[in-house]
Amino acid sequence: MPSRAVLKIIQNRHFLTATPEKSIRAVAQHMKENGEGAVLIVSPEDGALLGICTERDLAFKVLAAGLDANATPISSVMTHDPERISPDKPFGHALHLMYEGGFRHLPVVLDDGRPIGVLSARDALGLEMFAFRQELQYREELAVIL
C-alpha cells in the first residue's frame, strides 16, 4: 500500500477555499477559473474547515434541484463536516477512506482544524492505484481464507 505521507502529495499545491456566505455562483466561478473540482469551505473567523463543495454537489444539489445560484449561499449545498485526514498519515490510508466513503476529494487538515490542501482521486492514478488494488485483493483473499 502506498506509504508516502499525505503531506508529500499535497505540498506546494494550490487549493481553493471560500467562506459559507458566498453565493453558489461565486464559488462555481472560482472553481472554473482555477480548474478545480472542489472547494473547501472555511470559517471566516479562524479558517477552520466547515465543509467541502464539489462539482458533483453543484450538479446534483443546485442544477437538479433548480436552486438560484445567485441567491443561495454555498453553505446550503456543501457537505458539512466532511471526512478529513492529517498530513502525516500515509497516502494509502487516504485512498482507503476515499474508497470506503465513496468520495473523490479528501481535505488535509492540521490539528487546529485549518486545511492545508485537498487530495483527489486523481492522485491515486498510476502505480500507486495498481499497488492499492493489489493490496485490497490480497486482504480480501485473506478474509475468505480466515
N, C-alpha and C. Protein backbone atom coordinates (compact mmCIF):
# COMPACT_ATOMS: atom_id res chain seq x y z
N MET A 1 0.84 -1.17 0.00
CA MET A 1 0.00 0.00 0.00
C MET A 1 0.89 1.24 0.00
N PRO A 2 0.48 2.29 -0.69
CA PRO A 2 1.30 3.50 -0.74
C PRO A 2 1.60 4.03 0.66
N SER A 3 2.86 4.24 0.93
CA SER A 3 3.24 4.65 2.28
C SER A 3 3.74 6.08 2.36
N ARG A 4 3.79 6.77 1.25
CA ARG A 4 4.20 8.18 1.29
C ARG A 4 3.25 8.98 2.17
N ALA A 5 3.79 9.92 2.91
CA ALA A 5 2.95 10.79 3.73
C ALA A 5 2.08 11.67 2.85
N VAL A 6 0.86 11.91 3.29
CA VAL A 6 -0.07 12.76 2.56
C VAL A 6 0.57 14.12 2.27
N LEU A 7 1.34 14.64 3.20
CA LEU A 7 1.98 15.93 3.02
C LEU A 7 2.85 15.96 1.76
N LYS A 8 3.52 14.86 1.45
CA LYS A 8 4.37 14.80 0.26
C LYS A 8 3.54 14.91 -1.02
N ILE A 9 2.31 14.46 -0.98
CA ILE A 9 1.44 14.51 -2.15
C ILE A 9 0.94 15.94 -2.40
N ILE A 10 0.58 16.65 -1.32
CA ILE A 10 -0.07 17.96 -1.48
C ILE A 10 0.86 19.15 -1.36
N GLN A 11 2.09 18.94 -0.90
CA GLN A 11 2.94 20.10 -0.66
C GLN A 11 3.15 20.89 -1.95
N ASN A 12 3.17 22.20 -1.80
CA ASN A 12 3.34 23.14 -2.91
C ASN A 12 2.22 23.08 -3.93
N ARG A 13 1.06 22.59 -3.51
CA ARG A 13 -0.09 22.52 -4.42
C ARG A 13 -1.15 23.52 -3.96
N HIS A 14 -1.68 24.23 -4.93
CA HIS A 14 -2.73 25.21 -4.69
C HIS A 14 -4.06 24.50 -4.39
N PHE A 15 -4.86 25.06 -3.49
CA PHE A 15 -6.22 24.55 -3.28
C PHE A 15 -7.13 25.74 -3.04
N LEU A 16 -8.42 25.54 -3.25
CA LEU A 16 -9.38 26.62 -3.16
C LEU A 16 -10.13 26.61 -1.83
N THR A 17 -10.42 27.82 -1.34
CA THR A 17 -11.26 27.96 -0.16
C THR A 17 -12.30 29.05 -0.43
N ALA A 18 -13.37 28.98 0.32
CA ALA A 18 -14.41 30.00 0.28
C ALA A 18 -15.07 30.02 1.66
N THR A 19 -15.77 31.09 1.94
CA THR A 19 -16.50 31.19 3.21
C THR A 19 -17.96 30.85 2.98
N PRO A 20 -18.66 30.42 4.02
CA PRO A 20 -20.01 29.85 3.85
C PRO A 20 -21.07 30.80 3.31
N GLU A 21 -20.88 32.09 3.44
CA GLU A 21 -21.90 33.02 2.96
C GLU A 21 -21.79 33.32 1.47
N LYS A 22 -20.72 32.90 0.82
CA LYS A 22 -20.54 33.15 -0.62
C LYS A 22 -21.66 32.49 -1.41
N SER A 23 -22.02 33.12 -2.50
CA SER A 23 -23.08 32.54 -3.33
C SER A 23 -22.56 31.32 -4.08
N ILE A 24 -23.46 30.45 -4.42
CA ILE A 24 -23.10 29.27 -5.20
C ILE A 24 -22.45 29.69 -6.51
N ARG A 25 -22.98 30.70 -7.16
CA ARG A 25 -22.42 31.15 -8.43
C ARG A 25 -20.98 31.63 -8.26
N ALA A 26 -20.71 32.42 -7.22
CA ALA A 26 -19.36 32.93 -6.99
C ALA A 26 -18.38 31.78 -6.76
N VAL A 27 -18.79 30.79 -6.01
CA VAL A 27 -17.93 29.64 -5.73
C VAL A 27 -17.71 28.82 -7.01
N ALA A 28 -18.77 28.59 -7.78
CA ALA A 28 -18.65 27.83 -9.02
C ALA A 28 -17.73 28.55 -10.01
N GLN A 29 -17.84 29.86 -10.09
CA GLN A 29 -16.95 30.63 -10.97
C GLN A 29 -15.51 30.52 -10.51
N HIS A 30 -15.29 30.58 -9.20
CA HIS A 30 -13.95 30.44 -8.62
C HIS A 30 -13.36 29.08 -8.99
N MET A 31 -14.17 28.04 -8.91
CA MET A 31 -13.73 26.69 -9.27
C MET A 31 -13.37 26.63 -10.76
N LYS A 32 -14.22 27.20 -11.60
CA LYS A 32 -13.98 27.17 -13.05
C LYS A 32 -12.71 27.92 -13.41
N GLU A 33 -12.54 29.11 -12.85
CA GLU A 33 -11.36 29.94 -13.15
C GLU A 33 -10.05 29.24 -12.77
N ASN A 34 -10.10 28.40 -11.76
CA ASN A 34 -8.90 27.73 -11.27
C ASN A 34 -8.79 26.28 -11.71
N GLY A 35 -9.79 25.80 -12.46
CA GLY A 35 -9.75 24.43 -12.97
C GLY A 35 -9.76 23.39 -11.87
N GLU A 36 -10.48 23.66 -10.80
CA GLU A 36 -10.54 22.73 -9.66
C GLU A 36 -11.94 22.14 -9.54
N GLY A 37 -12.00 20.91 -9.05
CA GLY A 37 -13.27 20.21 -8.90
C GLY A 37 -13.85 20.27 -7.50
N ALA A 38 -13.15 20.96 -6.59
CA ALA A 38 -13.64 21.05 -5.22
C ALA A 38 -13.13 22.33 -4.58
N VAL A 39 -13.90 22.82 -3.65
CA VAL A 39 -13.50 23.99 -2.86
C VAL A 39 -13.80 23.67 -1.39
N LEU A 40 -12.87 24.05 -0.52
CA LEU A 40 -13.06 23.84 0.92
C LEU A 40 -13.73 25.08 1.50
N ILE A 41 -14.76 24.85 2.29
CA ILE A 41 -15.49 25.95 2.91
C ILE A 41 -14.93 26.11 4.33
N VAL A 42 -14.45 27.32 4.62
CA VAL A 42 -13.76 27.57 5.89
C VAL A 42 -14.45 28.67 6.67
N SER A 43 -14.24 28.64 7.96
CA SER A 43 -14.78 29.65 8.86
C SER A 43 -14.08 30.99 8.60
N PRO A 44 -14.85 32.07 8.48
CA PRO A 44 -14.22 33.37 8.28
C PRO A 44 -13.46 33.84 9.53
N GLU A 45 -13.82 33.29 10.68
CA GLU A 45 -13.18 33.71 11.93
C GLU A 45 -11.79 33.10 12.12
N ASP A 46 -11.70 31.77 11.98
CA ASP A 46 -10.42 31.12 12.30
C ASP A 46 -9.87 30.25 11.17
N GLY A 47 -10.55 30.19 10.04
CA GLY A 47 -10.07 29.42 8.90
C GLY A 47 -10.23 27.92 9.04
N ALA A 48 -10.97 27.48 10.06
CA ALA A 48 -11.19 26.04 10.26
C ALA A 48 -12.12 25.48 9.19
N LEU A 49 -11.90 24.23 8.84
CA LEU A 49 -12.72 23.56 7.83
C LEU A 49 -14.15 23.37 8.33
N LEU A 50 -15.10 23.83 7.53
CA LEU A 50 -16.52 23.65 7.83
C LEU A 50 -17.17 22.64 6.89
N GLY A 51 -16.68 22.62 5.64
CA GLY A 51 -17.30 21.74 4.66
C GLY A 51 -16.52 21.71 3.37
N ILE A 52 -17.09 21.01 2.40
CA ILE A 52 -16.50 20.91 1.07
C ILE A 52 -17.63 20.97 0.06
N CYS A 53 -17.36 21.58 -1.08
CA CYS A 53 -18.32 21.61 -2.18
C CYS A 53 -17.60 21.14 -3.43
N THR A 54 -18.20 20.19 -4.12
CA THR A 54 -17.59 19.62 -5.31
C THR A 54 -18.46 19.85 -6.53
N GLU A 55 -17.91 19.54 -7.69
CA GLU A 55 -18.67 19.63 -8.93
C GLU A 55 -19.94 18.80 -8.83
N ARG A 56 -19.84 17.67 -8.20
CA ARG A 56 -20.99 16.78 -8.04
C ARG A 56 -22.09 17.45 -7.19
N ASP A 57 -21.68 18.14 -6.12
CA ASP A 57 -22.65 18.88 -5.31
C ASP A 57 -23.36 19.94 -6.15
N LEU A 58 -22.59 20.63 -6.99
CA LEU A 58 -23.19 21.67 -7.82
C LEU A 58 -24.19 21.08 -8.81
N ALA A 59 -23.85 19.95 -9.40
CA ALA A 59 -24.76 19.33 -10.37
C ALA A 59 -26.01 18.77 -9.71
N PHE A 60 -25.84 18.03 -8.64
CA PHE A 60 -26.97 17.33 -8.02
C PHE A 60 -27.80 18.21 -7.09
N LYS A 61 -27.15 19.04 -6.31
CA LYS A 61 -27.86 19.83 -5.29
C LYS A 61 -28.31 21.20 -5.77
N VAL A 62 -27.70 21.68 -6.85
CA VAL A 62 -28.06 23.01 -7.36
C VAL A 62 -28.83 22.88 -8.67
N LEU A 63 -28.17 22.37 -9.71
CA LEU A 63 -28.82 22.27 -11.01
C LEU A 63 -30.04 21.38 -10.98
N ALA A 64 -29.88 20.18 -10.46
CA ALA A 64 -31.00 19.23 -10.45
C ALA A 64 -32.15 19.70 -9.56
N ALA A 65 -31.82 20.47 -8.53
CA ALA A 65 -32.85 20.96 -7.61
C ALA A 65 -33.43 22.30 -8.05
N GLY A 66 -32.82 22.93 -9.05
CA GLY A 66 -33.33 24.20 -9.55
C GLY A 66 -33.11 25.38 -8.62
N LEU A 67 -32.03 25.34 -7.84
CA LEU A 67 -31.75 26.44 -6.92
C LEU A 67 -31.25 27.67 -7.67
N ASP A 68 -31.48 28.83 -7.09
CA ASP A 68 -30.97 30.09 -7.63
C ASP A 68 -29.53 30.24 -7.17
N ALA A 69 -28.59 30.06 -8.09
CA ALA A 69 -27.17 30.09 -7.75
C ALA A 69 -26.70 31.47 -7.29
N ASN A 70 -27.41 32.51 -7.67
CA ASN A 70 -27.03 33.86 -7.25
C ASN A 70 -27.48 34.17 -5.83
N ALA A 71 -28.61 33.62 -5.43
CA ALA A 71 -29.20 33.97 -4.14
C ALA A 71 -28.95 32.95 -3.04
N THR A 72 -28.45 31.77 -3.39
CA THR A 72 -28.29 30.70 -2.41
C THR A 72 -26.84 30.64 -1.94
N PRO A 73 -26.62 30.64 -0.62
CA PRO A 73 -25.24 30.55 -0.11
C PRO A 73 -24.69 29.13 -0.27
N ILE A 74 -23.39 29.03 -0.44
CA ILE A 74 -22.74 27.74 -0.63
C ILE A 74 -22.95 26.83 0.58
N SER A 75 -23.15 27.41 1.75
CA SER A 75 -23.35 26.60 2.96
C SER A 75 -24.58 25.72 2.88
N SER A 76 -25.54 26.07 2.02
CA SER A 76 -26.77 25.27 1.91
C SER A 76 -26.59 24.02 1.06
N VAL A 77 -25.51 23.93 0.29
CA VAL A 77 -25.31 22.75 -0.56
C VAL A 77 -23.99 22.03 -0.29
N MET A 78 -23.14 22.62 0.54
CA MET A 78 -21.85 21.97 0.82
C MET A 78 -22.07 20.72 1.66
N THR A 79 -21.09 19.84 1.64
CA THR A 79 -21.08 18.70 2.54
C THR A 79 -20.48 19.19 3.85
N HIS A 80 -21.30 19.19 4.89
CA HIS A 80 -20.86 19.68 6.19
C HIS A 80 -19.97 18.65 6.88
N ASP A 81 -18.98 19.14 7.59
CA ASP A 81 -18.09 18.31 8.41
C ASP A 81 -17.62 17.07 7.65
N PRO A 82 -16.93 17.26 6.52
CA PRO A 82 -16.52 16.11 5.71
C PRO A 82 -15.42 15.29 6.38
N GLU A 83 -15.26 14.07 5.91
CA GLU A 83 -14.12 13.24 6.32
C GLU A 83 -12.86 14.04 6.02
N ARG A 84 -11.84 13.88 6.84
CA ARG A 84 -10.59 14.60 6.65
C ARG A 84 -9.43 13.73 7.08
N ILE A 85 -8.24 14.16 6.74
CA ILE A 85 -7.04 13.39 7.08
C ILE A 85 -5.94 14.35 7.50
N SER A 86 -5.07 13.89 8.38
CA SER A 86 -3.94 14.73 8.79
C SER A 86 -2.78 14.52 7.83
N PRO A 87 -1.90 15.49 7.71
CA PRO A 87 -0.83 15.43 6.71
C PRO A 87 0.22 14.35 6.97
N ASP A 88 0.30 13.84 8.18
CA ASP A 88 1.31 12.83 8.49
C ASP A 88 0.85 11.40 8.19
N LYS A 89 -0.41 11.22 7.87
CA LYS A 89 -0.94 9.88 7.57
C LYS A 89 -0.42 9.40 6.22
N PRO A 90 -0.33 8.07 6.05
CA PRO A 90 0.11 7.56 4.74
C PRO A 90 -0.97 7.74 3.67
N PHE A 91 -0.51 7.93 2.45
CA PHE A 91 -1.41 8.12 1.33
C PHE A 91 -2.35 6.93 1.18
N GLY A 92 -1.88 5.73 1.49
CA GLY A 92 -2.72 4.55 1.41
C GLY A 92 -3.94 4.65 2.31
N HIS A 93 -3.78 5.28 3.47
CA HIS A 93 -4.91 5.48 4.38
C HIS A 93 -5.94 6.41 3.74
N ALA A 94 -5.46 7.44 3.07
CA ALA A 94 -6.36 8.37 2.38
C ALA A 94 -7.13 7.66 1.28
N LEU A 95 -6.43 6.82 0.52
CA LEU A 95 -7.10 6.05 -0.54
C LEU A 95 -8.19 5.16 0.04
N HIS A 96 -7.88 4.54 1.16
CA HIS A 96 -8.86 3.66 1.81
C HIS A 96 -10.09 4.46 2.24
N LEU A 97 -9.88 5.62 2.85
CA LEU A 97 -11.01 6.46 3.27
C LEU A 97 -11.88 6.87 2.08
N MET A 98 -11.23 7.26 0.98
CA MET A 98 -11.98 7.67 -0.21
C MET A 98 -12.74 6.49 -0.81
N TYR A 99 -12.09 5.35 -0.87
CA TYR A 99 -12.72 4.15 -1.43
C TYR A 99 -13.91 3.73 -0.59
N GLU A 100 -13.72 3.63 0.71
CA GLU A 100 -14.80 3.20 1.61
C GLU A 100 -15.93 4.21 1.67
N GLY A 101 -15.59 5.51 1.64
CA GLY A 101 -16.60 6.55 1.75
C GLY A 101 -17.29 6.91 0.45
N GLY A 102 -16.72 6.46 -0.67
CA GLY A 102 -17.33 6.73 -1.97
C GLY A 102 -17.20 8.19 -2.40
N PHE A 103 -16.16 8.87 -1.97
CA PHE A 103 -15.96 10.25 -2.40
C PHE A 103 -14.60 10.40 -3.06
N ARG A 104 -14.43 11.51 -3.79
CA ARG A 104 -13.23 11.70 -4.62
C ARG A 104 -12.30 12.80 -4.14
N HIS A 105 -12.70 13.52 -3.12
CA HIS A 105 -11.87 14.61 -2.58
C HIS A 105 -11.80 14.47 -1.06
N LEU A 106 -10.61 14.66 -0.53
CA LEU A 106 -10.38 14.49 0.90
C LEU A 106 -9.55 15.66 1.42
N PRO A 107 -10.14 16.51 2.28
CA PRO A 107 -9.38 17.62 2.84
C PRO A 107 -8.26 17.13 3.75
N VAL A 108 -7.13 17.82 3.67
CA VAL A 108 -5.98 17.55 4.55
C VAL A 108 -5.97 18.70 5.55
N VAL A 109 -6.06 18.33 6.85
CA VAL A 109 -6.30 19.33 7.88
C VAL A 109 -5.29 19.18 9.02
N LEU A 110 -4.83 20.34 9.53
CA LEU A 110 -3.95 20.37 10.70
C LEU A 110 -4.74 20.08 11.97
N ASP A 111 -4.05 19.87 13.07
CA ASP A 111 -4.71 19.57 14.34
C ASP A 111 -5.66 20.68 14.79
N ASP A 112 -5.37 21.93 14.40
CA ASP A 112 -6.23 23.04 14.81
C ASP A 112 -7.46 23.21 13.90
N GLY A 113 -7.62 22.30 12.93
CA GLY A 113 -8.80 22.34 12.06
C GLY A 113 -8.63 23.10 10.77
N ARG A 114 -7.49 23.76 10.59
CA ARG A 114 -7.27 24.52 9.36
C ARG A 114 -6.80 23.61 8.23
N PRO A 115 -7.41 23.72 7.05
CA PRO A 115 -6.98 22.90 5.91
C PRO A 115 -5.67 23.40 5.31
N ILE A 116 -4.88 22.45 4.82
CA ILE A 116 -3.64 22.80 4.13
C ILE A 116 -3.60 22.22 2.71
N GLY A 117 -4.68 21.57 2.31
CA GLY A 117 -4.73 21.01 0.97
C GLY A 117 -5.90 20.07 0.78
N VAL A 118 -5.98 19.52 -0.42
CA VAL A 118 -7.03 18.57 -0.77
C VAL A 118 -6.39 17.44 -1.57
N LEU A 119 -6.70 16.22 -1.19
CA LEU A 119 -6.32 15.07 -2.01
C LEU A 119 -7.47 14.78 -2.96
N SER A 120 -7.13 14.31 -4.15
CA SER A 120 -8.13 13.98 -5.15
C SER A 120 -7.92 12.54 -5.59
N ALA A 121 -8.98 11.94 -6.07
CA ALA A 121 -8.86 10.58 -6.61
C ALA A 121 -7.83 10.55 -7.73
N ARG A 122 -7.64 11.66 -8.42
CA ARG A 122 -6.63 11.72 -9.48
C ARG A 122 -5.23 11.43 -8.95
N ASP A 123 -5.01 11.73 -7.68
CA ASP A 123 -3.69 11.49 -7.07
C ASP A 123 -3.37 10.01 -7.01
N ALA A 124 -4.39 9.18 -7.12
CA ALA A 124 -4.20 7.73 -6.99
C ALA A 124 -3.89 7.04 -8.31
N LEU A 125 -3.89 7.80 -9.39
CA LEU A 125 -3.62 7.19 -10.69
C LEU A 125 -2.19 6.69 -10.77
N GLY A 126 -1.99 5.75 -11.64
CA GLY A 126 -0.63 5.26 -11.85
C GLY A 126 -0.31 4.06 -10.98
N LEU A 127 0.95 3.92 -10.66
CA LEU A 127 1.42 2.75 -9.93
C LEU A 127 0.83 2.62 -8.54
N GLU A 128 0.57 3.75 -7.88
CA GLU A 128 0.02 3.67 -6.54
C GLU A 128 -1.37 3.04 -6.54
N MET A 129 -2.17 3.36 -7.53
CA MET A 129 -3.50 2.76 -7.61
C MET A 129 -3.39 1.27 -7.88
N PHE A 130 -2.47 0.89 -8.73
CA PHE A 130 -2.25 -0.52 -9.01
C PHE A 130 -1.85 -1.25 -7.73
N ALA A 131 -0.92 -0.70 -6.99
CA ALA A 131 -0.46 -1.31 -5.74
C ALA A 131 -1.59 -1.38 -4.72
N PHE A 132 -2.41 -0.34 -4.67
CA PHE A 132 -3.52 -0.31 -3.73
C PHE A 132 -4.53 -1.42 -4.07
N ARG A 133 -4.85 -1.59 -5.33
CA ARG A 133 -5.78 -2.65 -5.74
C ARG A 133 -5.23 -4.02 -5.40
N GLN A 134 -3.94 -4.22 -5.63
CA GLN A 134 -3.32 -5.50 -5.29
C GLN A 134 -3.45 -5.77 -3.79
N GLU A 135 -3.21 -4.75 -2.99
CA GLU A 135 -3.30 -4.89 -1.55
C GLU A 135 -4.73 -5.22 -1.12
N LEU A 136 -5.71 -4.56 -1.72
CA LEU A 136 -7.11 -4.85 -1.40
C LEU A 136 -7.48 -6.28 -1.76
N GLN A 137 -7.05 -6.73 -2.94
CA GLN A 137 -7.33 -8.10 -3.35
C GLN A 137 -6.69 -9.10 -2.38
N TYR A 138 -5.46 -8.83 -2.01
CA TYR A 138 -4.76 -9.70 -1.06
C TYR A 138 -5.53 -9.79 0.25
N ARG A 139 -5.99 -8.65 0.75
CA ARG A 139 -6.73 -8.65 2.02
C ARG A 139 -8.06 -9.38 1.89
N GLU A 140 -8.74 -9.22 0.76
CA GLU A 140 -10.00 -9.91 0.54
C GLU A 140 -9.78 -11.42 0.47
N GLU A 141 -8.70 -11.84 -0.18
CA GLU A 141 -8.38 -13.27 -0.24
C GLU A 141 -8.07 -13.82 1.13
N LEU A 142 -7.36 -13.05 1.94
CA LEU A 142 -7.06 -13.48 3.30
C LEU A 142 -8.35 -13.60 4.13
N ALA A 143 -9.25 -12.66 3.94
CA ALA A 143 -10.51 -12.70 4.68
C ALA A 143 -11.32 -13.94 4.33
N VAL A 144 -11.31 -14.34 3.07
CA VAL A 144 -12.03 -15.54 2.64
C VAL A 144 -11.40 -16.78 3.27
N ILE A 145 -10.10 -16.81 3.30
CA ILE A 145 -9.39 -17.98 3.88
C ILE A 145 -9.66 -18.09 5.38
N LEU A 146 -9.63 -16.95 6.06
CA LEU A 146 -9.83 -16.95 7.51
C LEU A 146 -11.29 -17.11 7.81
